[in-house]
Protein backbone atom coordinates (compact mmCIF):
# COMPACT_ATOMS: atom_id res chain seq x y z
CA MET A 1 52.83 34.79 20.73
CA GLN A 2 49.49 33.19 20.22
CA GLN A 3 48.72 31.23 17.17
CA THR A 4 45.20 31.44 15.84
CA ILE A 5 43.78 28.36 14.16
CA GLN A 6 41.06 28.93 11.71
CA GLN A 7 38.42 26.08 11.43
CA LYS A 8 36.86 25.37 8.17
CA PRO A 9 33.11 25.09 8.19
CA PRO A 10 31.82 21.51 8.12
CA VAL A 11 30.81 21.55 4.47
CA LEU A 12 30.73 17.80 4.05
CA LYS A 13 28.44 17.37 7.04
CA PHE A 14 26.24 20.09 5.85
CA LEU A 15 25.95 18.61 2.38
CA ALA A 16 25.10 15.21 3.80
CA ILE A 17 22.34 16.60 5.94
CA ILE A 18 20.83 18.52 2.94
CA SER A 19 21.03 15.46 0.74
CA ILE A 20 19.27 13.29 3.30
CA ALA A 21 16.55 15.84 3.85
CA THR A 22 15.98 16.22 0.14
CA ALA A 23 15.78 12.46 -0.42
CA VAL A 24 13.19 12.18 2.44
CA ILE A 25 11.11 14.99 1.02
CA LEU A 26 11.23 13.46 -2.47
CA VAL A 27 10.24 10.04 -1.27
CA ILE A 28 7.35 11.39 0.79
CA THR A 29 5.96 13.45 -2.13
CA ILE A 30 6.59 11.16 -5.02
CA THR A 31 5.61 7.80 -3.39
CA PRO A 32 2.23 6.75 -4.77
CA TRP A 33 0.48 6.15 -1.53
CA ASN A 34 -2.59 4.86 -3.36
CA ILE A 35 -0.87 1.69 -4.35
CA VAL A 36 0.58 0.83 -0.99
CA PRO A 37 -1.11 -2.43 0.08
CA THR A 38 -3.48 -2.35 3.11
CA ALA A 39 -4.80 -5.32 5.01
CA ILE A 40 -8.54 -5.96 4.87
CA THR A 41 -10.33 -8.60 7.01
CA GLU A 42 -13.88 -9.47 5.74
CA ASN A 43 -16.26 -12.31 5.54
CA VAL A 44 -16.01 -14.18 2.23
CA THR A 45 -18.04 -16.95 0.78
CA VAL A 46 -16.07 -20.08 -0.09
CA ILE A 47 -16.14 -20.82 -3.82
CA ALA A 48 -13.62 -23.62 -4.02
CA VAL A 49 -11.65 -25.95 -1.69
CA THR A 50 -8.21 -26.91 -2.74
CA GLU A 51 -5.22 -28.63 -1.10
CA SER A 52 -3.84 -25.16 -0.39
CA GLY A 53 -6.99 -24.17 1.53
CA CYS A 54 -10.37 -22.49 0.85
CA VAL A 55 -10.74 -20.01 -1.97
CA GLY A 56 -13.18 -17.09 -1.55
CA GLU A 57 -14.07 -13.96 -3.36
CA SER A 58 -13.84 -10.63 -1.58
CA SER A 59 -16.19 -7.75 -1.93
CA LEU A 60 -13.72 -6.04 -4.12
CA GLY A 61 -13.59 -9.07 -6.52
CA HIS A 62 -10.26 -10.50 -5.48
CA SER A 63 -9.81 -14.17 -4.86
CA VAL A 64 -8.58 -14.83 -1.29
CA VAL A 65 -6.94 -18.17 -0.19
CA VAL A 66 -7.44 -19.11 3.49
CA GLU A 67 -4.94 -21.79 4.50
CA ASN A 68 -5.79 -24.67 6.82
CA CYS A 69 -9.46 -24.22 6.21
CA GLN A 70 -12.06 -26.86 6.86
CA ALA A 71 -15.07 -25.06 5.40
CA LYS A 72 -17.18 -26.36 2.54
CA VAL A 73 -18.26 -24.56 -0.67
CA GLY A 74 -20.92 -21.97 0.23
CA ASP A 75 -19.77 -21.44 3.77
CA THR A 76 -18.94 -17.90 4.99
CA ILE A 77 -15.43 -17.56 6.54
CA SER A 78 -13.36 -14.67 7.73
CA ALA A 79 -10.35 -13.81 5.49
CA THR A 80 -7.54 -11.25 5.57
CA SER A 81 -5.98 -10.03 2.34
CA TYR A 82 -3.84 -7.22 1.07
CA VAL A 83 -5.28 -4.81 -1.53
CA PRO A 84 -4.09 -1.51 -3.00
CA ALA A 85 -5.29 1.43 -0.87
CA MET A 86 -6.90 3.00 -3.97
CA GLU A 87 -9.43 0.20 -4.12
CA GLN A 88 -10.42 0.60 -0.56
CA ASN A 89 -10.56 4.47 -0.41
CA GLY A 90 -12.67 4.95 -3.49
CA TYR A 91 -9.85 6.37 -5.69
CA TYR A 92 -11.10 4.38 -8.81
CA ASP A 93 -14.63 5.65 -8.25
CA LYS A 94 -13.45 9.32 -8.22
CA ILE A 95 -11.45 8.73 -11.41
CA GLN A 96 -14.39 7.11 -13.14
CA GLN A 97 -16.60 9.96 -12.24
CA LYS A 98 -14.20 12.48 -13.68
CA LEU A 99 -13.89 10.40 -16.87
CA GLU A 100 -17.62 10.38 -17.23
CA LYS A 101 -17.69 14.18 -17.06
CA VAL A 102 -15.26 14.60 -20.03
CA THR A 103 -16.25 11.66 -22.17
CA PRO A 104 -18.64 12.82 -24.90
């Protein structure tokens, strides 16, 4: 006589895969991509020199510190900084334009 062995479906494995897929989809759709920092390299004018380095102001209005800098106040140097993506991609400008349309 042959014995037939019935295998149960891999429910636990299936639930794990579904849970991981759901988590990935939620992270991708919910993550606020506009606040993820992006690196920007630009020329800035030195406004101060400290023991930490030179301080310059970026075109977006952020203070940028460049370490090991030998420049003087008023010199133009290259600086890299991280800013939220929404400042770089014009997100704030779009929001401001929408607000101007609805503000009496």
